[in-house]
Amino acid sequence: MFADQAPCVTPAQQAERASQTLVALLARYNIPADAHPLSGGEVAVSVYYGLIARTDGAVFWWTTPTLSQRGGPLLTYATTPATAAARLAEHYMIQRGKLAADLLRGPLLSDLLMPEGGHAPM
C-alpha cells in the first residue's frame, strides 16, 4: 500500500462508525442508545422500547411512532447522523409519552436480531 492511500473501509465498518456517531449525537439530547451489529453489515441502534433505527453506513431508517394516513406503520429515513438524531429525539419524546401497554405491542429489538421464525440459532 502506498503512503498516500487511505485504508479500505468495509461497509460493516462504515455502518459501525455511523451508528456510533448516532449514539453520541443522541447522548447530546440526553437519550441513551446503544448499537447492535446485524447480519449483512447493518447495525441497529436501540433508542427506546419500540424505537429502533438501522443503518448501512450511508442511510438511517426506522419506523415512526405515529401511523401513516392509512393507519399502517410509517417508515422514515435520514441521510446524516445529525438529521437522524434530531428526528429520533422527536420520536423518542412521542414514544416516552405512550402507555406501557401500547409499547408492548410494538416491534422489539429481538425481532430484528432473531432470524426468521423467531428462534435463536443453536
Protein backbone atom coordinates (compact mmCIF):
# COMPACT_ATOMS: atom_id res chain seq x y z
CA MET A 1 0.00 0.00 0.00
CA PHE A 2 1.21 3.49 -0.80
CA ALA A 3 1.58 6.07 1.95
CA ASP A 4 -0.96 8.43 0.34
CA GLN A 5 -3.71 5.78 0.06
CA ALA A 6 -6.36 5.59 2.76
CA PRO A 7 -7.01 2.13 4.22
CA CYS A 8 -10.04 0.36 2.78
CA VAL A 9 -13.14 0.66 4.97
CA THR A 10 -15.68 -2.14 4.69
CA PRO A 11 -19.44 -1.46 4.56
CA ALA A 12 -19.77 -3.08 8.00
CA GLN A 13 -17.14 -0.68 9.40
CA GLN A 14 -18.96 2.26 7.81
CA ALA A 15 -22.21 1.12 9.45
CA GLU A 16 -20.48 0.71 12.82
CA ARG A 17 -18.95 4.20 12.61
CA ALA A 18 -22.26 5.75 11.57
CA SER A 19 -24.09 4.00 14.41
CA GLN A 20 -21.55 5.17 16.99
CA THR A 21 -21.85 8.74 15.68
CA LEU A 22 -25.64 8.50 16.02
CA VAL A 23 -25.34 7.14 19.58
CA ALA A 24 -23.03 10.05 20.50
CA LEU A 25 -25.38 12.62 18.96
CA LEU A 26 -28.40 11.12 20.76
CA ALA A 27 -26.47 11.45 24.04
CA ARG A 28 -26.39 15.21 23.43
CA TYR A 29 -30.20 15.07 23.62
CA ASN A 30 -29.87 13.07 26.89
CA ILE A 31 -31.15 9.99 25.10
CA PRO A 32 -29.40 6.74 26.00
CA ALA A 33 -28.93 4.49 22.99
CA ASP A 34 -26.77 1.53 22.07
CA ALA A 35 -25.68 -0.12 18.84
CA HIS A 36 -26.00 -3.79 17.89
CA PRO A 37 -24.37 -5.29 14.78
CA LEU A 38 -26.73 -7.20 12.50
CA SER A 39 -26.03 -9.72 9.80
CA GLY A 40 -25.36 -8.29 6.37
CA GLY A 41 -23.19 -5.45 7.67
CA GLU A 42 -26.03 -3.34 9.07
CA VAL A 43 -26.24 -2.02 12.64
CA ALA A 44 -29.35 -1.50 14.78
CA VAL A 45 -29.43 1.46 17.17
CA SER A 46 -31.81 0.85 20.06
CA VAL A 47 -33.21 4.21 21.15
CA TYR A 48 -36.28 3.32 23.20
CA TYR A 49 -38.74 0.49 23.53
CA GLY A 50 -40.24 0.14 20.04
CA LEU A 51 -37.92 2.78 18.51
CA ILE A 52 -35.04 1.12 16.70
CA ALA A 53 -33.08 2.69 13.88
CA ARG A 54 -30.97 0.75 11.40
CA THR A 55 -28.05 1.88 9.29
CA ASP A 56 -25.92 0.53 6.50
CA GLY A 57 -23.42 3.36 6.96
CA ALA A 58 -24.99 5.59 4.31
CA VAL A 59 -28.65 5.84 5.39
CA PHE A 60 -30.54 5.54 8.70
CA TRP A 61 -34.11 4.23 8.70
CA TRP A 62 -36.75 3.41 11.31
CA THR A 63 -40.47 3.07 11.88
CA THR A 64 -42.02 6.22 13.33
CA PRO A 65 -44.16 6.06 16.49
CA THR A 66 -47.06 7.57 14.55
CA LEU A 67 -49.07 5.74 11.93
CA SER A 68 -49.43 6.66 8.27
CA GLN A 69 -52.61 8.30 6.94
CA ARG A 70 -53.86 4.81 6.07
CA GLY A 71 -53.25 3.60 9.62
CA GLY A 72 -50.21 1.44 8.90
CA PRO A 73 -46.59 1.66 10.01
CA LEU A 74 -44.68 4.62 8.62
CA LEU A 75 -41.04 4.06 7.69
CA THR A 76 -38.79 7.12 7.56
CA TYR A 77 -35.12 7.74 6.88
CA ALA A 78 -32.30 10.25 7.21
CA THR A 79 -29.04 10.52 5.29
CA THR A 80 -26.90 12.11 8.02
CA PRO A 81 -26.37 11.15 11.65
CA ALA A 82 -27.28 14.69 12.78
CA THR A 83 -30.61 14.64 10.97
CA ALA A 84 -31.35 11.13 12.23
CA ALA A 85 -30.55 12.17 15.81
CA ALA A 86 -32.79 15.25 15.66
CA ARG A 87 -35.74 13.31 14.25
CA LEU A 88 -35.20 10.33 16.55
CA ALA A 89 -35.19 12.76 19.50
CA GLU A 90 -38.67 13.93 18.46
CA HIS A 91 -39.85 10.34 18.06
CA TYR A 92 -38.28 9.42 21.42
CA MET A 93 -40.45 12.04 23.15
CA ILE A 94 -43.56 10.64 21.45
CA GLN A 95 -42.66 7.08 22.48
CA ARG A 96 -41.97 8.12 26.08
CA GLY A 97 -45.46 9.60 26.26
CA LYS A 98 -47.17 6.35 25.30
CA LEU A 99 -48.66 3.90 27.76
CA ALA A 100 -46.62 0.78 28.51
CA ALA A 101 -49.42 -1.44 27.17
CA ASP A 102 -49.23 0.32 23.81
CA LEU A 103 -45.44 -0.06 23.68
CA LEU A 104 -45.64 -3.80 24.33
CA ARG A 105 -47.47 -4.22 21.02
CA GLY A 106 -44.63 -2.57 19.04
CA PRO A 107 -41.53 -4.05 17.39
CA LEU A 108 -38.78 -5.32 19.67
CA LEU A 109 -35.03 -5.33 19.20
CA SER A 110 -35.20 -9.12 19.35
CA ASP A 111 -37.46 -9.05 16.28
CA LEU A 112 -34.55 -7.54 14.34
CA LEU A 113 -31.82 -9.70 15.85
CA MET A 114 -33.58 -13.08 15.64
CA PRO A 115 -33.60 -14.96 12.35
CA GLU A 116 -36.95 -15.51 10.70
CA GLY A 117 -39.07 -17.93 12.67
CA GLY A 118 -38.23 -16.24 15.98
CA HIS A 119 -35.79 -18.80 17.34
CA ALA A 120 -32.22 -18.16 18.39
CA PRO A 121 -29.65 -20.07 16.32
CA MET A 122 -28.33 -23.19 18.01
